Structure formats: C-alpha cells, structure tokens
C-alpha cells in the first residue's frame, strides 16, 4: 500500500488512513456517548420510597384483617399516608377498602377512627339479636333503645348514632357467653356511658330510617 517505506511506517500510515476513513462514524459514536452521559447526569434521581401495607383484595366494612389480606408494597415517600397502618392484622375495618389501597389507621376501629370522627367516642355494642345486627351497614344512623327484661319498658339511650362497623369473623357473645352480634358505633361521651350501663342490665335494640 505504501511501497518503499519501512514496515513500521507503513503500518502507522495504514492506521492513520483507516482512522481518516472512519472519523465520521467515530465522531458520531462519541457524540452519542456524550449525549447519553449528559442525559444520565441531568435525569432526576428516582423518588424515595417507603414500605406500606396495601389490601391484597377488596375487603368489606367490618372484616377482621387476616395476614393474607395485606401485602407490603414500595410507595413514593411523599405520597404515603401519614396514618398508614403498620400492624393491621386482627383489626376490624370500619370502612370498605379496595385492592391495592393503603391500609390506614382511620379505616380501622380504634383510637385513630375516633380522631377521624370528630366529637365521637367509638363504642362497641352487642345486640342480642344477631339478625337485627345483620341489617346494619357502616354509615347507618340509628337510635339505640334499651328494654328492661323485667317490665318490658323501653327507652332511647342514644339518638342518631353512626354505625362505624359491623365486625365479621369475631367470636360471638361476651366472654363466657354466646349469642348476639357486635356492632361499632360513634356516639358522644355521655351517650357512651349510657350505652355501656344499659348493655349490662338491659336488652339493646336499634331503630333507624334508611
């Protein structure tokens, strides 16, 4: 290719010749690498995430959450609810929750629910008639009536209390007893005292308008 030149110079000239032929593809490749490097440098860092518990399936109000009902998911830290529940297993849902939704304390029967229901006290009430309890749904507003088993007379102990949950999957009856069904209502502090007292000595029933 380069007669009369020493072998070393011929090889050098051959390399230079090949580089000149390929300078455009090489330049294009280097430019592309520079652009990719710049894009990588300018790209925002992936958002920080936190682990939260979400519903593994649609769960109804009143359901007792089992271990298989929730799964852990990475969630954007700036979107994670402040009240995300950390140990919901065994707790009662006060409202239905959809598959994939973060389980929060304000959806569970407990102190956080009382905070969400401003001015209300969360009161579990056992109704002796399980069939009557089965008619209730979260969100119903009912009157609680107490009936004296001796005289048969009835009085209203709390008006317009809100049904927060109708637990399912919980043991029936009080400790050592059986029958009836549990509902959870939101009532004023004074009504909560009256309800608790009436539940010890009288039969509780409900009336409501749908």
Protein backbone atom coordinates (compact mmCIF):
# COMPACT_ATOMS: atom_id res chain seq x y z
CA UNK A 1 0.00 0.00 0.00
CA UNK A 2 2.94 2.33 0.74
CA UNK A 3 5.91 0.91 -1.25
CA UNK A 4 9.40 1.98 -0.30
CA UNK A 5 8.53 2.70 3.32
CA UNK A 6 9.80 0.75 6.27
CA UNK A 7 7.24 -1.74 7.65
CA UNK A 8 6.67 0.26 10.84
CA UNK A 9 5.88 3.46 8.94
CA UNK A 10 3.66 1.56 6.56
CA UNK A 11 1.63 0.20 9.49
CA UNK A 12 1.39 3.69 11.02
CA UNK A 13 0.20 5.18 7.73
CA UNK A 14 -2.32 2.34 7.35
CA UNK A 15 -3.73 3.08 10.80
CA UNK A 16 -3.97 6.79 10.02
CA UNK A 17 -5.67 6.03 6.75
CA UNK A 18 -8.25 3.82 8.47
CA UNK A 19 -8.87 6.47 11.12
CA UNK A 20 -9.48 9.11 8.45
CA UNK A 21 -11.96 6.80 6.72
CA UNK A 22 -13.83 6.16 9.95
CA UNK A 23 -13.60 9.59 11.56
CA UNK A 24 -17.27 10.41 10.91
CA UNK A 25 -18.68 7.19 12.45
CA UNK A 26 -16.27 7.54 15.36
CA UNK A 27 -17.28 11.19 15.88
CA UNK A 28 -20.95 10.26 15.74
CA UNK A 29 -20.41 7.49 18.28
CA UNK A 30 -18.52 9.80 20.64
CA UNK A 31 -21.24 12.44 20.29
CA UNK A 32 -23.94 9.89 21.11
CA UNK A 33 -21.99 8.74 24.17
CA UNK A 34 -21.63 12.35 25.31
CA UNK A 35 -25.37 12.95 24.91
CA UNK A 36 -26.23 9.78 26.84
CA UNK A 37 -23.82 10.77 29.59
CA UNK A 38 -25.37 14.24 29.80
CA UNK A 39 -28.90 12.82 29.92
CA UNK A 40 -27.89 10.41 32.66
CA UNK A 41 -26.35 13.27 34.64
CA UNK A 42 -29.39 15.53 34.22
CA UNK A 43 -32.03 12.85 34.82
CA UNK A 44 -33.73 13.23 38.22
CA UNK A 45 -32.92 10.66 40.86
CA UNK A 46 -35.60 8.00 41.38
CA UNK A 47 -38.09 9.08 44.08
CA UNK A 48 -37.56 7.84 47.61
CA UNK A 49 -39.94 5.07 48.63
CA UNK A 50 -41.22 3.59 51.87
CA UNK A 51 -42.81 0.21 52.57
CA UNK A 52 -46.55 0.32 53.26
CA UNK A 53 -49.23 -2.32 53.66
CA UNK A 54 -51.94 -2.44 51.00
CA UNK A 55 -55.06 -4.56 50.66
CA UNK A 56 -54.40 -7.81 48.81
CA UNK A 57 -58.05 -7.94 47.72
CA UNK A 58 -61.26 -5.94 48.08
CA UNK A 59 -62.25 -6.04 51.77
CA UNK A 60 -65.71 -5.12 53.13
CA UNK A 61 -66.51 -2.96 56.11
CA UNK A 62 -66.45 -4.97 59.34
CA UNK A 63 -63.93 -7.54 58.09
CA UNK A 64 -61.29 -8.70 60.52
CA UNK A 65 -57.99 -8.36 58.66
CA UNK A 66 -56.00 -11.58 58.31
CA UNK A 67 -52.32 -11.97 57.46
CA UNK A 68 -53.18 -12.86 53.84
CA UNK A 69 -55.39 -9.78 53.43
CA UNK A 70 -52.47 -7.33 53.23
CA UNK A 71 -49.19 -7.24 51.31
CA UNK A 72 -46.15 -4.97 51.54
CA UNK A 73 -45.51 -2.55 48.67
CA UNK A 74 -42.94 0.17 47.93
CA UNK A 75 -44.75 3.53 47.89
CA UNK A 76 -43.48 7.02 46.98
CA UNK A 77 -42.47 8.57 50.28
CA UNK A 78 -44.16 11.90 49.52
CA UNK A 79 -47.45 10.15 48.71
CA UNK A 80 -47.54 7.65 51.58
CA UNK A 81 -50.38 8.43 54.05
CA UNK A 82 -49.15 9.64 57.43
CA UNK A 83 -51.66 7.29 59.09
CA UNK A 84 -50.55 4.17 57.18
CA UNK A 85 -51.16 1.17 59.46
CA UNK A 86 -48.15 -0.88 60.49
CA UNK A 87 -49.87 -3.79 62.27
CA UNK A 88 -53.44 -4.13 60.97
CA UNK A 89 -53.71 -7.92 61.34
CA UNK A 90 -56.58 -8.81 63.66
CA UNK A 91 -58.08 -5.31 63.44
CA UNK A 92 -61.62 -4.56 62.25
CA UNK A 93 -62.22 -2.45 59.15
CA UNK A 94 -64.55 0.46 59.78
CA UNK A 95 -64.97 1.08 56.04
CA UNK A 96 -64.52 -0.97 52.86
CA UNK A 97 -61.12 -0.89 51.21
CA UNK A 98 -60.18 -1.68 47.60
CA UNK A 99 -57.43 -3.99 46.38
CA UNK A 100 -54.12 -2.10 46.26
CA UNK A 101 -55.29 0.66 48.61
CA UNK A 102 -53.02 1.59 51.51
CA UNK A 103 -54.45 0.40 54.84
CA UNK A 104 -54.65 3.37 57.21
CA UNK A 105 -55.50 3.63 60.89
CA UNK A 106 -58.51 5.82 60.13
CA UNK A 107 -60.07 2.84 58.29
CA UNK A 108 -59.70 0.63 61.37
CA UNK A 109 -61.78 0.52 64.53
CA UNK A 110 -59.65 2.10 67.22
CA UNK A 111 -58.28 5.41 68.51
CA UNK A 112 -57.45 6.81 65.07
CA UNK A 113 -61.01 6.24 63.96
CA UNK A 114 -62.23 8.24 66.95
CA UNK A 115 -59.96 11.11 65.88
CA UNK A 116 -61.38 10.93 62.36
CA UNK A 117 -64.92 11.06 63.75
CA UNK A 118 -64.61 14.43 65.45
CA UNK A 119 -66.55 14.67 68.71
CA UNK A 120 -67.46 10.98 68.75
CA UNK A 121 -66.47 8.15 71.04
CA UNK A 122 -66.09 4.75 69.39
CA UNK A 123 -68.33 2.29 71.25
CA UNK A 124 -68.67 -1.46 70.62
CA UNK A 125 -72.27 -2.52 71.25
CA UNK A 126 -73.54 -6.09 71.49
CA UNK A 127 -77.05 -6.54 70.18
CA UNK A 128 -78.79 -9.67 71.48
CA UNK A 129 -80.49 -10.21 68.11
CA UNK A 130 -77.81 -11.15 65.55
CA UNK A 131 -80.38 -10.94 62.76
CA UNK A 132 -81.03 -7.31 63.61
CA UNK A 133 -77.31 -6.56 63.61
CA UNK A 134 -77.00 -8.15 60.17
CA UNK A 135 -79.34 -5.49 58.76
CA UNK A 136 -76.98 -2.70 59.73
CA UNK A 137 -74.32 -1.22 57.45
CA UNK A 138 -71.49 1.20 58.12
CA UNK A 139 -72.81 4.75 57.75
CA UNK A 140 -76.32 3.98 59.05
CA UNK A 141 -77.61 6.42 61.64
CA UNK A 142 -79.67 4.65 64.29
CA UNK A 143 -81.30 5.11 67.66
CA UNK A 144 -80.28 2.70 70.40
CA UNK A 145 -83.11 1.54 72.64
CA UNK A 146 -82.78 -0.29 75.95
CA UNK A 147 -85.54 -2.68 77.03
CA UNK A 148 -85.93 -3.72 80.67
CA UNK A 149 -86.35 -7.54 80.70
CA UNK A 150 -88.46 -7.32 83.87
CA UNK A 151 -91.01 -4.68 82.90
CA UNK A 152 -90.68 -4.73 79.12
CA UNK A 153 -90.47 -0.95 79.02
CA UNK A 154 -88.09 0.65 76.51
CA UNK A 155 -86.24 3.94 76.47
CA UNK A 156 -83.93 5.59 73.96
CA UNK A 157 -80.41 5.71 75.35
CA UNK A 158 -78.73 7.29 72.30
CA UNK A 159 -80.16 9.02 69.22
CA UNK A 160 -78.69 9.31 65.74
CA UNK A 161 -75.51 7.40 66.47
CA UNK A 162 -73.49 6.40 63.41
CA UNK A 163 -72.71 2.76 62.71
CA UNK A 164 -68.97 2.63 62.04
CA UNK A 165 -68.53 -1.10 61.52
CA UNK A 166 -70.34 -4.41 61.73
CA UNK A 167 -67.46 -6.78 62.53
CA UNK A 168 -67.38 -10.23 60.96
CA UNK A 169 -65.15 -13.13 61.89
CA UNK A 170 -65.03 -12.21 65.60
CA UNK A 171 -66.08 -14.60 68.38
CA UNK A 172 -69.78 -14.42 69.19
CA UNK A 173 -71.04 -13.41 72.57
CA UNK A 174 -69.21 -11.94 75.58
CA UNK A 175 -66.52 -13.86 77.44
CA UNK A 176 -68.11 -16.98 78.82
CA UNK A 177 -71.35 -16.39 76.93
CA UNK A 178 -72.83 -16.70 73.45
CA UNK A 179 -75.38 -15.19 71.09
CA UNK A 180 -75.98 -11.80 69.63
CA UNK A 181 -73.68 -9.79 67.39
CA UNK A 182 -71.31 -6.89 67.77
CA UNK A 183 -71.60 -3.51 66.08
CA UNK A 184 -69.39 -0.47 66.50
CA UNK A 185 -70.98 2.98 66.72
CA UNK A 186 -69.83 6.54 67.12
CA UNK A 187 -71.56 8.36 69.99
CA UNK A 188 -70.95 11.30 72.28
CA UNK A 189 -69.04 10.70 75.51
CA UNK A 190 -72.26 11.00 77.56
CA UNK A 191 -74.12 8.60 75.30
CA UNK A 192 -71.23 6.13 75.51
CA UNK A 193 -71.65 5.99 79.30
CA UNK A 194 -75.41 5.46 78.98
CA UNK A 195 -74.92 2.74 76.36
CA UNK A 196 -72.37 0.90 78.47
CA UNK A 197 -74.64 0.99 81.51
CA UNK A 198 -77.72 -0.16 79.62
CA UNK A 199 -75.80 -3.01 77.99
CA UNK A 200 -75.11 -4.55 81.41
CA UNK A 201 -78.71 -4.83 82.62
CA UNK A 202 -80.99 -4.41 79.60
CA UNK A 203 -81.50 -5.63 76.06
CA UNK A 204 -80.34 -3.23 73.38
CA UNK A 205 -82.14 -2.86 70.07
CA UNK A 206 -81.99 -0.36 67.24
CA UNK A 207 -84.36 1.64 65.10
CA UNK A 208 -83.41 3.67 62.07
CA UNK A 209 -84.51 5.29 58.86
CA UNK A 210 -82.76 4.23 55.68
